[in-house]
């Protein structure tokens, strides 16, 4: 009898594990009946579709206006790699743990017993969690994965933590490790519990989430995420609505405001990260989110911010116009390895903004 009960418990646990990630109650986007109802010029949006086909390698685009879907392009259900957008999502997930004291932004790497291949220097160990989250750690250790600013890396130990901005994946990967160490939970489980379930992701697949990186270079892998475009848009909507979803406060308003309040000014970021001839906005940097107050001299973009990912992955929020954009380029499967440049993406955004009547 005991053996039978044991197997029953094991079976129920198995069923629970299988259903936890499959039985999320999805919440489809509400849609406008027409462009006119939403206050957009139909002809201009038709021109946008032609522009996307001719100039981009967009595999999925969703535009949300005041909480309802106004425009889509491509396969918005396709789940694929979102690259560095993962970092902006981690910034959101940190909030409740910072506010309940589980994560102390002022703790140093030394206090947290963080080290790496061949060791960190004493000055590097004085960097705090806050420094990592804002890309100002002064730790110039090589990261386990590529895709960061290698041109502006300085000699190790040459700067005091907090004084020099550098977009280095070492910071972002290390803070992912620290998050899991302090919370006792995986980033992917937190993404599921804090966002995917409450907002009703339509295409969430826990099994697709996986870390990667060369652990002979650094102990800390990249926590890559795989999402659909329409689910990325829900993340943007959460940010736009200050953490509220269907009348429930899922995230702290104070925290979400903090992570999109500029820390490193756009002049510094532009000098390090951007082509001077770029047609995209000039960005500042906050807590793993990119900030911009204007674009093409247009103040409708005031207080806007974005998550950026390699190859054409973006989430953009324009608060003054109540607009959310989610853009994907599945260059591994859908576009024959072709990317969507940042300049092209922001031209797409400008099309939408200027189509608003």
Protein backbone atom coordinates (compact mmCIF):
# COMPACT_ATOMS: atom_id res chain seq x y z
CA UNK A 1 0.00 0.00 0.00
CA UNK A 2 2.83 2.37 0.89
CA UNK A 3 4.57 1.57 -2.41
CA UNK A 4 1.36 2.28 -4.31
CA UNK A 5 0.97 5.63 -2.54
CA UNK A 6 4.60 6.47 -3.27
CA UNK A 7 4.15 5.91 -6.99
CA UNK A 8 0.94 7.93 -6.92
CA UNK A 9 2.78 10.90 -5.36
CA UNK A 10 5.59 10.61 -7.91
CA UNK A 11 3.03 10.47 -10.73
CA UNK A 12 1.20 13.56 -9.45
CA UNK A 13 4.47 15.48 -9.12
CA UNK A 14 5.37 14.48 -12.68
CA UNK A 15 2.01 15.68 -13.95
CA UNK A 16 2.41 18.96 -12.08
CA UNK A 17 5.88 19.56 -13.54
CA UNK A 18 4.58 18.80 -17.02
CA UNK A 19 1.57 21.07 -16.72
CA UNK A 20 3.20 24.02 -14.94
CA UNK A 21 4.69 25.29 -18.19
CA UNK A 22 1.93 24.11 -20.55
CA UNK A 23 -1.29 25.18 -18.88
CA UNK A 24 -0.67 28.89 -18.71
CA UNK A 25 -4.00 30.56 -19.33
CA UNK A 26 -3.17 32.62 -22.39
CA UNK A 27 -4.59 36.11 -22.78
CA UNK A 28 -4.83 37.09 -26.47
CA UNK A 29 -4.40 40.74 -27.37
CA UNK A 30 -7.56 42.77 -27.87
CA UNK A 31 -7.68 44.35 -31.33
CA UNK A 32 -9.15 47.44 -32.92
CA UNK A 33 -11.80 46.87 -35.57
CA UNK A 34 -10.05 49.29 -37.93
CA UNK A 35 -7.12 51.68 -38.19
CA UNK A 36 -9.64 54.51 -38.15
CA UNK A 37 -11.03 53.39 -34.78
CA UNK A 38 -7.53 53.47 -33.33
CA UNK A 39 -6.80 56.87 -34.84
CA UNK A 40 -4.26 55.81 -37.47
CA UNK A 41 -3.98 56.63 -41.16
CA UNK A 42 -4.63 53.44 -43.13
CA UNK A 43 -2.68 54.55 -46.20
CA UNK A 44 0.41 55.34 -44.14
CA UNK A 45 0.30 51.92 -42.48
CA UNK A 46 -0.05 50.28 -45.90
CA UNK A 47 3.07 52.18 -46.91
CA UNK A 48 4.77 50.84 -43.79
CA UNK A 49 4.05 47.27 -44.85
CA UNK A 50 5.68 47.96 -48.22
CA UNK A 51 8.67 49.56 -46.47
CA UNK A 52 9.14 46.53 -44.19
CA UNK A 53 9.03 44.12 -47.14
CA UNK A 54 11.53 46.14 -49.14
CA UNK A 55 13.97 47.34 -46.49
CA UNK A 56 13.97 45.03 -43.47
CA UNK A 57 14.40 41.40 -42.55
CA UNK A 58 11.59 41.57 -40.01
CA UNK A 59 10.17 38.17 -39.13
CA UNK A 60 7.65 39.48 -36.60
CA UNK A 61 6.29 42.88 -35.55
CA UNK A 62 3.51 43.77 -33.13
CA UNK A 63 2.37 47.32 -32.38
CA UNK A 64 0.13 47.99 -29.38
CA UNK A 65 -1.73 51.28 -29.09
CA UNK A 66 -3.29 52.08 -25.71
CA UNK A 67 -3.40 48.40 -24.76
CA UNK A 68 -4.83 46.98 -28.00
CA UNK A 69 -3.14 45.58 -31.09
CA UNK A 70 -3.18 47.99 -34.00
CA UNK A 71 -0.66 46.42 -36.38
CA UNK A 72 1.20 43.18 -36.97
CA UNK A 73 3.57 41.81 -39.56
CA UNK A 74 5.04 38.36 -40.09
CA UNK A 75 4.77 35.36 -37.79
CA UNK A 76 4.14 36.89 -34.38
CA UNK A 77 3.78 33.43 -32.76
CA UNK A 78 7.24 32.19 -33.75
CA UNK A 79 9.44 31.55 -30.70
CA UNK A 80 13.08 32.48 -31.15
CA UNK A 81 16.19 33.96 -29.58
CA UNK A 82 15.73 37.51 -28.24
CA UNK A 83 19.45 38.15 -27.63
CA UNK A 84 20.23 41.04 -25.25
CA UNK A 85 16.56 41.87 -24.63
CA UNK A 86 17.07 39.24 -21.92
CA UNK A 87 18.97 41.80 -19.84
CA UNK A 88 16.09 44.27 -19.74
CA UNK A 89 13.77 41.47 -18.62
CA UNK A 90 16.15 40.49 -15.84
CA UNK A 91 16.11 44.10 -14.64
CA UNK A 92 12.34 43.79 -14.22
CA UNK A 93 12.59 40.46 -12.38
CA UNK A 94 15.05 41.90 -9.87
CA UNK A 95 12.55 44.43 -8.55
CA UNK A 96 10.67 42.51 -5.88
CA UNK A 97 13.89 41.04 -4.54
CA UNK A 98 15.58 44.43 -4.30
CA UNK A 99 12.57 45.83 -2.47
CA UNK A 100 12.28 42.92 -0.02
CA UNK A 101 16.01 43.01 0.72
CA UNK A 102 16.96 39.67 -0.86
CA UNK A 103 19.12 41.54 -3.37
CA UNK A 104 21.14 44.43 -1.96
CA UNK A 105 22.32 46.67 -4.81
CA UNK A 106 25.15 47.95 -2.61
CA UNK A 107 26.67 44.53 -1.93
CA UNK A 108 30.13 44.11 -3.46
CA UNK A 109 31.42 41.19 -5.48
CA UNK A 110 33.80 40.49 -2.62
CA UNK A 111 30.95 40.28 -0.11
CA UNK A 112 29.03 38.00 -2.46
CA UNK A 113 32.12 35.81 -3.00
CA UNK A 114 32.10 36.40 -6.76
CA UNK A 115 35.29 35.45 -8.56
CA UNK A 116 36.16 34.13 -12.01
CA UNK A 117 38.72 32.30 -14.14
CA UNK A 118 42.23 33.30 -13.01
CA UNK A 119 40.65 35.49 -10.31
CA UNK A 120 39.37 39.04 -10.00
CA UNK A 121 41.52 41.93 -8.79
CA UNK A 122 40.80 43.58 -5.44
CA UNK A 123 39.58 46.78 -7.11
CA UNK A 124 37.26 44.71 -9.33
CA UNK A 125 35.85 42.93 -6.30
CA UNK A 126 34.77 46.30 -4.91
CA UNK A 127 32.19 46.65 -7.71
CA UNK A 128 28.60 46.44 -6.49
CA UNK A 129 25.47 44.77 -7.86
CA UNK A 130 24.30 48.25 -8.84
CA UNK A 131 27.46 48.77 -10.89
CA UNK A 132 26.87 45.53 -12.76
CA UNK A 133 23.23 46.37 -13.46
CA UNK A 134 24.18 49.73 -14.97
CA UNK A 135 27.23 48.49 -16.94
CA UNK A 136 29.65 50.50 -14.79
CA UNK A 137 31.47 47.77 -12.87
CA UNK A 138 34.98 48.46 -14.09
CA UNK A 139 35.47 44.70 -14.38
CA UNK A 140 37.07 44.15 -17.76
CA UNK A 141 37.16 40.37 -17.53
CA UNK A 142 36.33 38.54 -20.75
CA UNK A 143 32.74 37.26 -20.95
CA UNK A 144 31.68 33.71 -21.76
CA UNK A 145 29.75 34.93 -24.81
CA UNK A 146 30.34 37.49 -27.56
CA UNK A 147 28.22 40.48 -28.52
CA UNK A 148 29.60 43.24 -26.31
CA UNK A 149 31.75 46.36 -26.73
CA UNK A 150 35.31 45.12 -27.20
CA UNK A 151 36.63 48.43 -28.60
CA UNK A 152 36.39 50.35 -25.34
CA UNK A 153 37.68 47.77 -22.86
CA UNK A 154 40.48 49.23 -20.74
CA UNK A 155 43.34 47.63 -18.85
CA UNK A 156 42.06 45.59 -15.93
CA UNK A 157 42.21 47.44 -12.63
CA UNK A 158 42.60 50.83 -14.32
CA UNK A 159 39.29 52.39 -13.22
CA UNK A 160 37.29 52.63 -10.03
CA UNK A 161 33.95 50.78 -10.19
CA UNK A 162 31.07 53.12 -10.95
CA UNK A 163 33.12 55.63 -12.94
CA UNK A 164 33.32 54.09 -16.42
CA UNK A 165 30.46 52.89 -18.63
CA UNK A 166 31.18 49.79 -20.70
CA UNK A 167 28.61 47.51 -22.28
CA UNK A 168 30.26 44.25 -21.24
CA UNK A 169 28.47 40.91 -21.12
CA UNK A 170 30.58 39.94 -18.12
CA UNK A 171 28.54 42.35 -15.99
CA UNK A 172 25.21 41.06 -17.28
CA UNK A 173 26.09 37.38 -17.00
CA UNK A 174 27.52 37.83 -13.51
CA UNK A 175 24.41 39.63 -12.30
CA UNK A 176 22.34 36.74 -13.66
CA UNK A 177 24.40 34.37 -11.54
CA UNK A 178 24.03 36.63 -8.49
CA UNK A 179 20.25 36.82 -9.03
CA UNK A 180 19.94 33.04 -8.96
CA UNK A 181 22.35 32.67 -6.04
CA UNK A 182 20.47 35.14 -3.84
CA UNK A 183 16.91 34.19 -4.79
CA UNK A 184 17.50 30.45 -4.89
CA UNK A 185 15.52 30.24 -8.10
CA UNK A 186 16.32 30.14 -11.82
CA UNK A 187 15.84 33.21 -13.98
CA UNK A 188 13.57 31.17 -16.25
CA UNK A 189 11.32 30.09 -13.40
CA UNK A 190 11.11 33.69 -12.24
CA UNK A 191 10.22 34.80 -15.76
CA UNK A 192 7.48 32.20 -15.79
CA UNK A 193 6.10 33.08 -12.35
CA UNK A 194 6.48 36.86 -12.45
CA UNK A 195 5.48 37.51 -16.07
CA UNK A 196 4.47 34.57 -18.29
CA UNK A 197 1.69 33.24 -16.07
CA UNK A 198 0.20 36.51 -14.73
CA UNK A 199 -0.03 38.18 -18.16
CA UNK A 200 -0.96 34.99 -20.01
CA UNK A 201 1.87 34.47 -22.48
CA UNK A 202 0.41 32.78 -25.55
CA UNK A 203 3.55 30.97 -26.67
CA UNK A 204 5.61 30.30 -23.54
CA UNK A 205 7.77 27.16 -23.59
CA UNK A 206 9.93 26.66 -20.53
CA UNK A 207 11.84 23.82 -22.18
CA UNK A 208 13.26 26.12 -24.86
CA UNK A 209 14.97 28.40 -22.36
CA UNK A 210 18.69 27.65 -22.10
CA UNK A 211 21.99 29.17 -21.05
CA UNK A 212 25.11 29.17 -23.19
CA UNK A 213 28.70 30.37 -23.19
CA UNK A 214 32.32 29.25 -23.14
CA UNK A 215 32.91 28.43 -19.48
CA UNK A 216 36.66 28.19 -20.03
CA UNK A 217 36.60 31.99 -20.51
CA UNK A 218 34.25 32.86 -17.65
CA UNK A 219 32.26 30.94 -15.04
CA UNK A 220 29.11 32.85 -15.88
CA UNK A 221 27.01 31.80 -18.89
CA UNK A 222 24.51 33.97 -20.71
CA UNK A 223 20.88 33.29 -19.67
CA UNK A 224 19.38 33.35 -23.18
CA UNK A 225 15.61 33.64 -23.58
CA UNK A 226 13.33 32.45 -26.37
CA UNK A 227 10.00 34.24 -26.79
CA UNK A 228 7.42 35.09 -29.44
CA UNK A 229 6.88 38.63 -30.70
CA UNK A 230 3.36 38.88 -29.29
CA UNK A 231 4.61 37.82 -25.85
CA UNK A 232 7.47 40.34 -26.02
CA UNK A 233 4.81 43.00 -26.57
CA UNK A 234 3.25 42.07 -23.23
CA UNK A 235 6.54 42.85 -21.52
CA UNK A 236 6.49 46.27 -23.16
CA UNK A 237 2.90 46.83 -22.09
CA UNK A 238 3.79 45.96 -18.50
CA UNK A 239 6.51 48.60 -18.62
CA UNK A 240 4.16 51.17 -20.16
CA UNK A 241 1.49 50.53 -17.51
CA UNK A 242 3.97 50.77 -14.61
CA UNK A 243 3.69 47.08 -13.75
CA UNK A 244 -0.09 46.83 -13.81
CA UNK A 245 -1.94 44.12 -15.72
CA UNK A 246 -5.74 43.74 -15.78
CA UNK A 247 -6.08 45.76 -12.61
CA UNK A 248 -3.39 43.87 -10.68
CA UNK A 249 -0.08 45.46 -9.68
CA UNK A 250 2.48 42.83 -10.71
CA UNK A 251 5.57 45.02 -10.39
CA UNK A 252 6.57 47.95 -8.26
CA UNK A 253 5.95 51.28 -10.02
CA UNK A 254 8.93 52.74 -8.21
CA UNK A 255 11.24 49.98 -9.42
CA UNK A 256 10.10 50.11 -13.05
CA UNK A 257 10.60 53.87 -13.08
CA UNK A 258 14.08 53.43 -11.62
CA UNK A 259 15.25 50.97 -14.26
CA UNK A 260 14.36 53.33 -17.13
CA UNK A 261 15.73 56.49 -15.51
CA UNK A 262 18.95 57.43 -17.28
CA UNK A 263 22.23 56.68 -15.46
CA UNK A 264 24.77 57.11 -18.26
CA UNK A 265 24.04 60.12 -20.52
CA UNK A 266 23.51 59.77 -24.25
CA UNK A 267 26.70 61.66 -25.12
CA UNK A 268 28.79 58.98 -23.39
CA UNK A 269 26.80 56.08 -24.80
CA UNK A 270 26.80 57.51 -28.32
CA UNK A 271 30.54 58.04 -28.23
CA UNK A 272 31.14 54.43 -27.18
CA UNK A 273 28.38 52.51 -28.92
CA UNK A 274 26.94 54.34 -31.91
CA UNK A 275 27.89 55.34 -35.42
CA UNK A 276 27.81 59.15 -35.61
CA UNK A 277 25.81 58.87 -38.85
CA UNK A 278 23.20 56.58 -37.29
CA UNK A 279 19.58 57.33 -38.15
CA UNK A 280 18.34 55.87 -34.86
CA UNK A 281 17.86 57.86 -31.62
CA UNK A 282 20.77 58.84 -29.39
CA UNK A 283 20.54 56.59 -26.33
CA UNK A 284 21.40 56.89 -22.69
CA UNK A 285 21.65 53.81 -20.48
CA UNK A 286 19.89 52.86 -17.27
CA UNK A 287 19.41 49.48 -15.53
CA UNK A 288 19.79 47.28 -18.62
CA UNK A 289 17.34 49.46 -20.58
CA UNK A 290 18.22 52.04 -23.28
CA UNK A 291 16.65 55.49 -22.79
CA UNK A 292 15.89 58.27 -25.30
CA UNK A 293 13.98 61.53 -24.99
CA UNK A 294 13.75 62.54 -28.61
CA UNK A 295 14.23 61.25 -32.14
CA UNK A 296 14.54 63.46 -35.22
CA UNK A 297 13.85 66.43 -32.95
CA UNK A 298 10.39 65.05 -32.17
CA UNK A 299 9.33 65.53 -28.55
CA UNK A 300 6.61 62.88 -28.90
CA UNK A 301 9.41 60.45 -28.00
CA UNK A 302 10.03 62.05 -24.60
CA UNK A 303 10.76 59.47 -21.85
CA UNK A 304 10.88 56.59 -24.36
CA UNK A 305 12.98 53.50 -23.77
CA UNK A 306 13.92 50.23 -25.44
CA UNK A 307 15.34 46.77 -24.97
CA UNK A 308 17.81 45.94 -27.75
CA UNK A 309 19.00 42.54 -28.95
CA UNK A 310 21.54 41.46 -31.55
CA UNK A 311 20.28 40.94 -35.08
CA UNK A 312 16.99 42.83 -34.82
CA UNK A 313 15.29 42.05 -31.51
CA UNK A 314 13.59 45.02 -29.87
CA UNK A 315 10.96 46.09 -27.33
CA UNK A 316 10.20 49.83 -27.39
CA UNK A 317 7.84 51.90 -25.26
CA UNK A 318 6.73 55.45 -26.13
CA UNK A 319 4.80 56.58 -23.04
CA UNK A 320 3.52 59.90 -24.40
CA UNK A 321 1.73 58.13 -27.25
CA UNK A 322 0.78 54.98 -25.33
CA UNK A 323 2.61 52.88 -27.94
CA UNK A 324 4.45 49.57 -27.51
CA UNK A 325 6.52 47.88 -30.20
CA UNK A 326 7.89 44.33 -30.27
CA UNK A 327 10.12 43.37 -33.18
CA UNK A 328 11.84 40.10 -34.05
CA UNK A 329 14.30 38.95 -36.67
CA UNK A 330 14.64 35.19 -36.47
CA UNK A 331 17.89 35.18 -38.41
CA UNK A 332 18.63 31.58 -37.47
CA UNK A 333 15.58 30.09 -39.14
CA UNK A 334 13.44 32.65 -40.94
CA UNK A 335 15.67 35.20 -42.69
CA UNK A 336 18.63 33.18 -43.98
CA UNK A 337 20.99 34.77 -41.48
CA UNK A 338 20.02 38.33 -42.45
CA UNK A 339 19.57 40.95 -39.71
CA UNK A 340 17.38 44.01 -39.31
CA UNK A 341 19.62 47.01 -38.56
CA UNK A 342 18.73 49.34 -35.71
CA UNK A 343 18.37 52.27 -38.13
CA UNK A 344 15.76 50.39 -40.15
CA UNK A 345 13.85 49.39 -37.04
CA UNK A 346 13.61 52.98 -35.83
CA UNK A 347 12.40 54.08 -39.26
CA UNK A 348 9.61 51.52 -38.81
CA UNK A 349 8.80 53.09 -35.43
CA UNK A 350 8.75 56.54 -36.97
CA UNK A 351 6.30 55.32 -39.63
CA UNK A 352 3.87 54.28 -36.89
CA UNK A 353 4.30 57.49 -34.88
CA UNK A 354 3.64 59.61 -37.96
CA UNK A 355 0.64 57.49 -38.95
CA UNK A 356 -1.14 58.53 -35.77
CA UNK A 357 -3.85 61.04 -36.66
